[in-house]
């Protein structure tokens, strides 16, 4: 299995992403839960979103490129480089898990 860093390096942050087929998101007070009912793997798979901040980004990921979304969040919330890398890794892990996919796929 590829590492999150190698997935992040291969991920196209200039692309727009959407939920993969069978994925649904539910916001919670702690952040959120992504349910994935694909029918091909043990279902349901769940991904816990550990913060309301990341939940907000997920709710907007289909509105433009991830790079634009992350840059806007960086500016608005004064994210440092470590925080930006954590956000990028979070999206890379979702892609690796098959929870999100490029728009139009």
Protein backbone atom coordinates (compact mmCIF):
# COMPACT_ATOMS: atom_id res chain seq x y z
CA UNK A 1 0.00 0.00 0.00
CA UNK A 2 1.34 3.44 -0.92
CA UNK A 3 2.21 5.89 1.83
CA UNK A 4 0.15 9.03 2.41
CA UNK A 5 3.17 11.09 1.34
CA UNK A 6 3.49 9.28 -2.00
CA UNK A 7 -0.26 9.64 -2.61
CA UNK A 8 -0.04 13.34 -1.70
CA UNK A 9 2.86 13.78 -4.12
CA UNK A 10 0.83 12.18 -6.92
CA UNK A 11 -2.42 13.98 -6.09
CA UNK A 12 -3.49 16.78 -8.41
CA UNK A 13 -4.34 19.62 -6.05
CA UNK A 14 -5.25 21.82 -9.03
CA UNK A 15 -8.22 19.51 -9.70
CA UNK A 16 -11.71 19.65 -8.25
CA UNK A 17 -12.79 16.62 -6.21
CA UNK A 18 -16.13 15.10 -5.32
CA UNK A 19 -17.44 12.24 -3.23
CA UNK A 20 -16.86 8.82 -4.70
CA UNK A 21 -19.85 6.68 -5.61
CA UNK A 22 -21.44 5.39 -2.41
CA UNK A 23 -19.84 7.97 -0.11
CA UNK A 24 -21.92 10.26 2.08
CA UNK A 25 -20.86 12.84 4.65
CA UNK A 26 -22.55 13.70 7.93
CA UNK A 27 -21.41 16.70 9.98
CA UNK A 28 -21.06 16.09 13.72
CA UNK A 29 -20.07 18.34 16.62
CA UNK A 30 -16.56 16.85 16.67
CA UNK A 31 -16.15 17.13 12.87
CA UNK A 32 -17.94 14.53 10.84
CA UNK A 33 -18.28 11.00 9.53
CA UNK A 34 -17.92 9.81 5.97
CA UNK A 35 -19.90 6.64 5.28
CA UNK A 36 -18.90 4.61 2.26
CA UNK A 37 -21.28 1.94 0.97
CA UNK A 38 -19.61 0.75 -2.19
CA UNK A 39 -20.83 -2.82 -2.31
CA UNK A 40 -17.39 -4.15 -3.26
CA UNK A 41 -15.59 -4.06 0.06
CA UNK A 42 -16.76 -4.74 3.58
CA UNK A 43 -19.52 -2.20 4.01
CA UNK A 44 -20.02 0.23 5.48
CA UNK A 45 -16.61 1.80 5.79
CA UNK A 46 -16.41 4.89 7.97
CA UNK A 47 -13.89 7.68 8.07
CA UNK A 48 -13.95 10.02 11.05
CA UNK A 49 -13.29 13.66 10.23
CA UNK A 50 -11.53 14.96 13.34
CA UNK A 51 -12.50 18.64 13.22
CA UNK A 52 -15.22 21.06 12.16
CA UNK A 53 -12.54 22.91 10.15
CA UNK A 54 -11.88 19.86 7.94
CA UNK A 55 -15.63 19.24 7.68
CA UNK A 56 -16.05 22.75 6.31
CA UNK A 57 -13.40 22.09 3.67
CA UNK A 58 -15.06 18.81 2.68
CA UNK A 59 -18.38 20.56 2.23
CA UNK A 60 -16.72 22.93 -0.27
CA UNK A 61 -14.36 20.58 -2.12
CA UNK A 62 -16.58 20.38 -5.22
CA UNK A 63 -16.67 24.18 -5.68
CA UNK A 64 -13.20 24.53 -7.21
CA UNK A 65 -9.69 23.20 -7.07
CA UNK A 66 -8.35 21.84 -3.81
CA UNK A 67 -5.40 24.19 -4.15
CA UNK A 68 -7.72 27.22 -4.27
CA UNK A 69 -9.69 25.88 -1.31
CA UNK A 70 -6.57 25.22 0.77
CA UNK A 71 -5.04 28.58 -0.19
CA UNK A 72 -8.23 30.42 0.83
CA UNK A 73 -8.32 28.56 4.16
CA UNK A 74 -4.62 29.29 4.69
CA UNK A 75 -5.21 32.99 4.19
CA UNK A 76 -8.42 33.20 6.23
CA UNK A 77 -7.17 31.16 9.19
CA UNK A 78 -3.42 31.98 8.97
CA UNK A 79 -2.44 28.32 8.64
CA UNK A 80 1.26 27.55 8.97
CA UNK A 81 3.09 25.15 6.66
CA UNK A 82 2.67 22.21 9.03
CA UNK A 83 -1.10 22.77 9.13
CA UNK A 84 -1.25 23.07 5.33
CA UNK A 85 0.65 19.77 4.99
CA UNK A 86 -1.79 18.14 7.43
CA UNK A 87 -4.78 19.33 5.35
CA UNK A 88 -3.13 18.08 2.14
CA UNK A 89 -2.40 14.71 3.78
CA UNK A 90 -6.01 14.46 4.97
CA UNK A 91 -7.31 14.86 1.40
CA UNK A 92 -4.63 12.48 0.07
CA UNK A 93 -5.73 9.82 2.55
CA UNK A 94 -9.37 10.23 1.47
CA UNK A 95 -8.28 9.76 -2.15
CA UNK A 96 -6.22 6.70 -1.24
CA UNK A 97 -9.20 5.20 0.60
CA UNK A 98 -11.43 5.75 -2.42
CA UNK A 99 -13.70 8.12 -0.53
CA UNK A 100 -13.16 11.06 -2.91
CA UNK A 101 -12.38 11.17 -6.61
CA UNK A 102 -11.65 13.74 -9.27
CA UNK A 103 -14.75 15.58 -10.45
CA UNK A 104 -16.16 14.04 -13.59
CA UNK A 105 -14.83 10.54 -12.85
